[in-house]
N, C-alpha and C. Protein backbone atom coordinates (compact mmCIF):
# COMPACT_ATOMS: atom_id res chain seq x y z
N UNK A 1 -22.61 -36.41 -12.57
CA UNK A 1 -21.67 -35.31 -12.60
C UNK A 1 -20.70 -35.53 -13.75
N UNK A 2 -20.45 -34.46 -14.52
CA UNK A 2 -19.53 -34.54 -15.64
C UNK A 2 -18.54 -33.39 -15.58
N UNK A 3 -17.26 -33.71 -15.63
CA UNK A 3 -16.22 -32.69 -15.69
C UNK A 3 -16.09 -32.25 -17.14
N UNK A 4 -16.17 -30.93 -17.36
CA UNK A 4 -16.01 -30.36 -18.70
C UNK A 4 -14.57 -29.87 -18.81
N UNK A 5 -13.86 -30.39 -19.80
CA UNK A 5 -12.46 -30.00 -20.00
C UNK A 5 -12.14 -30.11 -21.48
N UNK A 6 -11.74 -29.00 -22.09
CA UNK A 6 -11.36 -29.01 -23.50
C UNK A 6 -10.06 -28.22 -23.66
N UNK A 7 -9.35 -28.43 -24.76
CA UNK A 7 -8.11 -27.68 -25.01
C UNK A 7 -8.34 -26.17 -25.18
N UNK A 8 -9.57 -25.76 -25.48
CA UNK A 8 -9.86 -24.34 -25.69
C UNK A 8 -10.15 -23.58 -24.40
N UNK A 9 -10.22 -24.28 -23.29
CA UNK A 9 -10.50 -23.64 -22.01
C UNK A 9 -9.20 -23.20 -21.35
N UNK A 10 -9.28 -22.17 -20.50
CA UNK A 10 -8.09 -21.83 -19.71
C UNK A 10 -7.64 -23.06 -18.91
N UNK A 11 -6.35 -23.23 -18.76
CA UNK A 11 -5.79 -24.39 -18.08
C UNK A 11 -5.82 -24.16 -16.57
N UNK A 12 -6.28 -25.16 -15.82
CA UNK A 12 -6.26 -25.03 -14.36
C UNK A 12 -4.83 -25.18 -13.87
N UNK A 13 -4.51 -24.40 -12.84
CA UNK A 13 -3.15 -24.40 -12.29
C UNK A 13 -3.06 -25.20 -11.00
N UNK A 14 -4.06 -25.99 -10.71
CA UNK A 14 -4.05 -26.75 -9.47
C UNK A 14 -4.92 -27.98 -9.60
N UNK A 15 -5.22 -28.57 -8.46
CA UNK A 15 -6.00 -29.80 -8.42
C UNK A 15 -7.49 -29.46 -8.35
N UNK A 16 -8.02 -28.99 -9.48
CA UNK A 16 -9.44 -28.65 -9.57
C UNK A 16 -9.88 -28.70 -11.02
N UNK A 17 -11.17 -28.76 -11.22
CA UNK A 17 -11.76 -28.71 -12.56
C UNK A 17 -12.21 -27.29 -12.84
N UNK A 18 -12.12 -26.88 -14.10
CA UNK A 18 -12.60 -25.54 -14.49
C UNK A 18 -14.12 -25.49 -14.50
N UNK A 19 -14.76 -26.64 -14.82
CA UNK A 19 -16.21 -26.64 -14.96
C UNK A 19 -16.75 -28.04 -14.70
N UNK A 20 -17.81 -28.11 -13.91
CA UNK A 20 -18.52 -29.37 -13.68
C UNK A 20 -19.99 -29.14 -13.98
N UNK A 21 -20.56 -30.08 -14.73
CA UNK A 21 -21.98 -30.04 -15.04
C UNK A 21 -22.69 -31.06 -14.16
N UNK A 22 -23.76 -30.61 -13.49
CA UNK A 22 -24.54 -31.50 -12.64
C UNK A 22 -26.00 -31.08 -12.73
N UNK A 23 -26.86 -32.02 -13.12
CA UNK A 23 -28.31 -31.77 -13.23
C UNK A 23 -28.63 -30.50 -14.02
N UNK A 24 -27.93 -30.29 -15.13
CA UNK A 24 -28.22 -29.16 -16.00
C UNK A 24 -27.64 -27.83 -15.56
N UNK A 25 -26.84 -27.85 -14.51
CA UNK A 25 -26.22 -26.63 -14.00
C UNK A 25 -24.71 -26.74 -14.18
N UNK A 26 -24.09 -25.64 -14.61
CA UNK A 26 -22.64 -25.56 -14.75
C UNK A 26 -22.05 -24.79 -13.58
N UNK A 27 -21.09 -25.39 -12.94
CA UNK A 27 -20.38 -24.78 -11.82
C UNK A 27 -18.96 -24.50 -12.29
N UNK A 28 -18.59 -23.22 -12.37
CA UNK A 28 -17.27 -22.84 -12.84
C UNK A 28 -16.38 -22.44 -11.67
N UNK A 29 -15.13 -22.86 -11.76
CA UNK A 29 -14.14 -22.41 -10.79
C UNK A 29 -13.88 -20.92 -11.00
N UNK A 30 -13.36 -20.27 -9.99
CA UNK A 30 -13.02 -18.86 -10.09
C UNK A 30 -12.03 -18.62 -11.21
N UNK A 31 -12.28 -17.59 -12.01
CA UNK A 31 -11.42 -17.26 -13.13
C UNK A 31 -10.62 -16.00 -12.84
N UNK A 32 -9.32 -16.14 -12.97
CA UNK A 32 -8.42 -15.01 -12.83
C UNK A 32 -8.20 -14.36 -14.19
N UNK A 33 -7.74 -13.13 -14.22
CA UNK A 33 -7.49 -12.44 -15.49
C UNK A 33 -6.11 -12.79 -16.04
N UNK A 34 -5.95 -14.03 -16.44
CA UNK A 34 -4.67 -14.51 -16.97
C UNK A 34 -4.89 -14.94 -18.42
N UNK A 35 -4.06 -14.41 -19.31
CA UNK A 35 -4.17 -14.77 -20.73
C UNK A 35 -3.71 -16.21 -20.93
N UNK A 36 -4.54 -17.00 -21.59
CA UNK A 36 -4.28 -18.43 -21.77
C UNK A 36 -2.95 -18.69 -22.46
N UNK A 37 -2.67 -17.96 -23.54
CA UNK A 37 -1.49 -18.23 -24.36
C UNK A 37 -0.19 -17.78 -23.70
N UNK A 38 -0.20 -16.60 -23.09
CA UNK A 38 1.05 -16.00 -22.59
C UNK A 38 1.19 -16.03 -21.07
N UNK A 39 0.09 -16.29 -20.38
CA UNK A 39 0.04 -16.24 -18.91
C UNK A 39 0.20 -14.82 -18.37
N UNK A 40 0.12 -13.82 -19.26
CA UNK A 40 0.23 -12.43 -18.84
C UNK A 40 -1.03 -11.98 -18.10
N UNK A 41 -0.85 -11.02 -17.22
CA UNK A 41 -1.95 -10.43 -16.46
C UNK A 41 -1.99 -8.95 -16.81
N UNK A 42 -3.12 -8.45 -17.30
CA UNK A 42 -3.21 -7.02 -17.64
C UNK A 42 -2.96 -6.14 -16.42
N UNK A 43 -2.60 -4.89 -16.68
CA UNK A 43 -2.23 -3.98 -15.59
C UNK A 43 -3.40 -3.37 -14.85
N UNK A 44 -4.47 -2.99 -15.56
CA UNK A 44 -5.54 -2.23 -14.91
C UNK A 44 -6.69 -3.13 -14.47
N UNK A 45 -7.47 -2.63 -13.54
CA UNK A 45 -8.63 -3.38 -13.07
C UNK A 45 -9.67 -3.53 -14.18
N UNK A 46 -9.79 -2.52 -15.04
CA UNK A 46 -10.73 -2.63 -16.16
C UNK A 46 -10.33 -3.78 -17.09
N UNK A 47 -9.06 -3.81 -17.47
CA UNK A 47 -8.56 -4.87 -18.36
C UNK A 47 -8.67 -6.24 -17.70
N UNK A 48 -8.37 -6.31 -16.41
CA UNK A 48 -8.46 -7.58 -15.69
C UNK A 48 -9.91 -8.06 -15.60
N UNK A 49 -10.83 -7.14 -15.37
CA UNK A 49 -12.24 -7.51 -15.29
C UNK A 49 -12.72 -8.08 -16.63
N UNK A 50 -12.39 -7.39 -17.71
CA UNK A 50 -12.79 -7.85 -19.05
C UNK A 50 -12.21 -9.24 -19.32
N UNK A 51 -10.93 -9.44 -19.03
CA UNK A 51 -10.30 -10.73 -19.32
C UNK A 51 -10.88 -11.85 -18.47
N UNK A 52 -11.12 -11.61 -17.19
CA UNK A 52 -11.71 -12.64 -16.33
C UNK A 52 -13.11 -13.00 -16.82
N UNK A 53 -13.88 -12.01 -17.26
CA UNK A 53 -15.20 -12.28 -17.83
C UNK A 53 -15.09 -13.05 -19.15
N UNK A 54 -14.12 -12.70 -19.97
CA UNK A 54 -13.91 -13.42 -21.24
C UNK A 54 -13.47 -14.86 -20.97
N UNK A 55 -12.63 -15.09 -19.97
CA UNK A 55 -12.23 -16.45 -19.61
C UNK A 55 -13.44 -17.26 -19.17
N UNK A 56 -14.31 -16.63 -18.40
CA UNK A 56 -15.55 -17.28 -17.97
C UNK A 56 -16.42 -17.63 -19.18
N UNK A 57 -16.56 -16.68 -20.08
CA UNK A 57 -17.38 -16.89 -21.27
C UNK A 57 -16.81 -18.01 -22.14
N UNK A 58 -15.49 -18.11 -22.24
CA UNK A 58 -14.85 -19.17 -23.03
C UNK A 58 -15.18 -20.55 -22.46
N UNK A 59 -15.18 -20.67 -21.15
CA UNK A 59 -15.51 -21.94 -20.52
C UNK A 59 -16.97 -22.28 -20.76
N UNK A 60 -17.85 -21.30 -20.61
CA UNK A 60 -19.27 -21.54 -20.87
C UNK A 60 -19.49 -22.00 -22.31
N UNK A 61 -18.81 -21.37 -23.25
CA UNK A 61 -18.95 -21.76 -24.66
C UNK A 61 -18.53 -23.22 -24.85
N UNK A 62 -17.42 -23.60 -24.27
CA UNK A 62 -16.92 -24.97 -24.39
C UNK A 62 -17.88 -25.97 -23.73
N UNK A 63 -18.61 -25.50 -22.73
CA UNK A 63 -19.57 -26.36 -22.04
C UNK A 63 -20.94 -26.34 -22.72
N UNK A 64 -21.06 -25.62 -23.84
CA UNK A 64 -22.31 -25.56 -24.57
C UNK A 64 -23.30 -24.57 -24.00
N UNK A 65 -22.80 -23.50 -23.39
CA UNK A 65 -23.68 -22.49 -22.80
C UNK A 65 -23.20 -21.11 -23.23
N UNK A 66 -23.70 -20.08 -22.57
CA UNK A 66 -23.28 -18.71 -22.88
C UNK A 66 -23.59 -17.80 -21.70
N UNK A 67 -23.13 -16.56 -21.81
CA UNK A 67 -23.24 -15.63 -20.68
C UNK A 67 -24.68 -15.30 -20.31
N UNK A 68 -25.62 -15.41 -21.24
CA UNK A 68 -27.02 -15.11 -20.91
C UNK A 68 -27.63 -16.21 -20.05
N UNK A 69 -26.93 -17.34 -19.88
CA UNK A 69 -27.40 -18.42 -19.01
C UNK A 69 -26.80 -18.37 -17.61
N UNK A 70 -26.03 -17.33 -17.33
CA UNK A 70 -25.42 -17.22 -16.00
C UNK A 70 -26.50 -16.87 -14.98
N UNK A 71 -26.54 -17.66 -13.91
CA UNK A 71 -27.50 -17.44 -12.83
C UNK A 71 -26.92 -16.58 -11.72
N UNK A 72 -25.66 -16.86 -11.36
CA UNK A 72 -25.05 -16.22 -10.20
C UNK A 72 -23.59 -15.90 -10.50
N UNK A 73 -23.15 -14.74 -10.02
CA UNK A 73 -21.76 -14.31 -10.17
C UNK A 73 -21.22 -13.92 -8.79
N UNK A 74 -20.02 -14.38 -8.51
CA UNK A 74 -19.30 -13.95 -7.31
C UNK A 74 -18.04 -13.24 -7.78
N UNK A 75 -17.90 -11.99 -7.36
CA UNK A 75 -16.75 -11.18 -7.73
C UNK A 75 -15.88 -10.96 -6.50
N UNK A 76 -14.66 -11.41 -6.57
CA UNK A 76 -13.69 -11.20 -5.50
C UNK A 76 -12.76 -10.09 -5.99
N UNK A 77 -12.70 -8.98 -5.26
CA UNK A 77 -11.83 -7.89 -5.66
C UNK A 77 -10.87 -7.56 -4.52
N UNK A 78 -9.65 -7.20 -4.91
CA UNK A 78 -8.59 -7.00 -3.92
C UNK A 78 -8.73 -5.70 -3.14
N UNK A 79 -9.59 -4.80 -3.61
CA UNK A 79 -9.77 -3.53 -2.91
C UNK A 79 -11.17 -3.01 -3.27
N UNK A 80 -11.99 -2.76 -2.29
CA UNK A 80 -13.36 -2.32 -2.53
C UNK A 80 -13.40 -0.99 -3.28
N UNK A 81 -12.33 -0.21 -3.22
CA UNK A 81 -12.28 1.06 -3.95
C UNK A 81 -12.28 0.85 -5.47
N UNK A 82 -12.02 -0.37 -5.91
CA UNK A 82 -12.03 -0.68 -7.34
C UNK A 82 -13.43 -0.97 -7.86
N UNK A 83 -14.42 -1.03 -6.96
CA UNK A 83 -15.73 -1.50 -7.31
C UNK A 83 -16.37 -0.75 -8.47
N UNK A 84 -16.33 0.58 -8.48
CA UNK A 84 -16.98 1.34 -9.55
C UNK A 84 -16.43 0.97 -10.92
N UNK A 85 -15.13 0.82 -11.02
CA UNK A 85 -14.51 0.46 -12.30
C UNK A 85 -14.90 -0.96 -12.71
N UNK A 86 -14.94 -1.88 -11.76
CA UNK A 86 -15.36 -3.25 -12.03
C UNK A 86 -16.82 -3.24 -12.48
N UNK A 87 -17.66 -2.53 -11.79
CA UNK A 87 -19.09 -2.50 -12.10
C UNK A 87 -19.34 -1.96 -13.51
N UNK A 88 -18.60 -0.95 -13.93
CA UNK A 88 -18.76 -0.40 -15.28
C UNK A 88 -18.47 -1.45 -16.35
N UNK A 89 -17.39 -2.22 -16.19
CA UNK A 89 -17.06 -3.27 -17.16
C UNK A 89 -18.07 -4.40 -17.10
N UNK A 90 -18.52 -4.72 -15.91
CA UNK A 90 -19.53 -5.76 -15.70
C UNK A 90 -20.82 -5.41 -16.46
N UNK A 91 -21.26 -4.16 -16.34
CA UNK A 91 -22.47 -3.70 -17.03
C UNK A 91 -22.30 -3.81 -18.54
N UNK A 92 -21.14 -3.39 -19.04
CA UNK A 92 -20.87 -3.48 -20.49
C UNK A 92 -20.91 -4.93 -20.97
N UNK A 93 -20.35 -5.83 -20.17
CA UNK A 93 -20.29 -7.24 -20.54
C UNK A 93 -21.68 -7.87 -20.58
N UNK A 94 -22.47 -7.64 -19.54
CA UNK A 94 -23.76 -8.32 -19.41
C UNK A 94 -24.92 -7.60 -20.10
N UNK A 95 -24.81 -6.32 -20.32
CA UNK A 95 -25.92 -5.60 -20.95
C UNK A 95 -27.17 -5.70 -20.10
N UNK A 96 -28.28 -6.14 -20.70
CA UNK A 96 -29.56 -6.22 -19.98
C UNK A 96 -29.67 -7.43 -19.05
N UNK A 97 -28.79 -8.40 -19.21
CA UNK A 97 -28.85 -9.60 -18.35
C UNK A 97 -28.31 -9.24 -16.96
N UNK A 98 -29.06 -9.60 -15.93
CA UNK A 98 -28.68 -9.25 -14.56
C UNK A 98 -28.71 -10.49 -13.67
N UNK A 99 -27.62 -11.29 -13.71
CA UNK A 99 -27.56 -12.44 -12.80
C UNK A 99 -27.48 -11.95 -11.35
N UNK A 100 -27.87 -12.79 -10.42
CA UNK A 100 -27.64 -12.43 -9.02
C UNK A 100 -26.14 -12.39 -8.79
N UNK A 101 -25.69 -11.57 -7.86
CA UNK A 101 -24.25 -11.47 -7.67
C UNK A 101 -23.89 -11.11 -6.24
N UNK A 102 -22.67 -11.46 -5.90
CA UNK A 102 -22.06 -11.07 -4.63
C UNK A 102 -20.73 -10.42 -4.95
N UNK A 103 -20.40 -9.40 -4.18
CA UNK A 103 -19.10 -8.75 -4.29
C UNK A 103 -18.38 -8.99 -2.98
N UNK A 104 -17.23 -9.63 -3.07
CA UNK A 104 -16.49 -9.98 -1.87
C UNK A 104 -15.14 -9.27 -1.90
N UNK A 105 -14.97 -8.23 -1.08
CA UNK A 105 -13.65 -7.60 -1.02
C UNK A 105 -12.69 -8.53 -0.27
N UNK A 106 -11.52 -8.68 -0.82
CA UNK A 106 -10.51 -9.54 -0.22
C UNK A 106 -9.23 -8.73 -0.04
N UNK A 107 -8.24 -9.41 0.35
CA UNK A 107 -6.91 -8.79 0.33
C UNK A 107 -6.26 -9.24 -0.95
N UNK A 108 -5.09 -9.76 -0.88
CA UNK A 108 -4.37 -10.18 -2.08
C UNK A 108 -5.01 -11.42 -2.70
N UNK A 109 -5.02 -11.43 -4.04
CA UNK A 109 -5.46 -12.59 -4.80
C UNK A 109 -4.23 -13.25 -5.42
N UNK A 110 -4.39 -14.48 -5.85
CA UNK A 110 -3.27 -15.26 -6.40
C UNK A 110 -2.63 -14.52 -7.59
N UNK A 111 -1.32 -14.63 -7.70
CA UNK A 111 -0.52 -14.04 -8.78
C UNK A 111 -0.60 -12.52 -8.81
N UNK A 112 -1.08 -11.90 -7.76
CA UNK A 112 -1.18 -10.45 -7.73
C UNK A 112 -2.37 -9.90 -8.51
N UNK A 113 -3.31 -10.75 -8.88
CA UNK A 113 -4.49 -10.31 -9.63
C UNK A 113 -5.35 -9.41 -8.75
N UNK A 114 -6.12 -8.55 -9.40
CA UNK A 114 -7.00 -7.64 -8.69
C UNK A 114 -8.44 -8.15 -8.60
N UNK A 115 -8.77 -9.18 -9.39
CA UNK A 115 -10.13 -9.70 -9.44
C UNK A 115 -10.12 -11.19 -9.74
N UNK A 116 -11.12 -11.89 -9.21
CA UNK A 116 -11.41 -13.28 -9.56
C UNK A 116 -12.92 -13.39 -9.68
N UNK A 117 -13.39 -14.13 -10.70
CA UNK A 117 -14.82 -14.22 -10.97
C UNK A 117 -15.25 -15.68 -11.01
N UNK A 118 -16.30 -15.99 -10.27
CA UNK A 118 -16.86 -17.34 -10.20
C UNK A 118 -18.33 -17.29 -10.60
N UNK A 119 -18.77 -18.22 -11.45
CA UNK A 119 -20.17 -18.20 -11.87
C UNK A 119 -20.81 -19.57 -11.80
N UNK A 120 -22.14 -19.56 -11.75
CA UNK A 120 -22.99 -20.73 -11.89
C UNK A 120 -23.95 -20.42 -13.03
N UNK A 121 -24.14 -21.38 -13.94
CA UNK A 121 -24.94 -21.12 -15.13
C UNK A 121 -25.78 -22.33 -15.51
N UNK A 122 -26.75 -22.11 -16.35
CA UNK A 122 -27.58 -23.18 -16.91
C UNK A 122 -26.87 -23.74 -18.12
N UNK A 123 -26.90 -25.03 -18.27
CA UNK A 123 -26.34 -25.70 -19.45
C UNK A 123 -27.39 -25.74 -20.55
N UNK A 124 -26.94 -25.55 -21.78
CA UNK A 124 -27.85 -25.68 -22.94
C UNK A 124 -27.93 -27.11 -23.44
N UNK A 125 -27.04 -27.97 -22.97
CA UNK A 125 -27.00 -29.34 -23.49
C UNK A 125 -27.47 -30.34 -22.47
């Protein structure tokens, strides 16, 4: 097991690793839509979805992988009524790649975020 941690990755706010590599698989912690530099959270669900996906992609890049290697996605959303808007951004992000996924409606998420995204991916290294 190897913990992946670089200065270019979003900083964890608790006692956890952002990414662990084990037997060629990358396990990423849930990513919130928080801007690394400013800690700002975008206002809309569309903007939050894009940012959470970009944060995920940044971690994959630092781990030597990319979004086309994502096997599974778990999407936690604060209100199931947001699903259509989330799905539209998800489709734009992934294009033809279709990882398996789960959508989990929740109540409130940390810091008032509307979405959190967790992925499992194949490592290229």
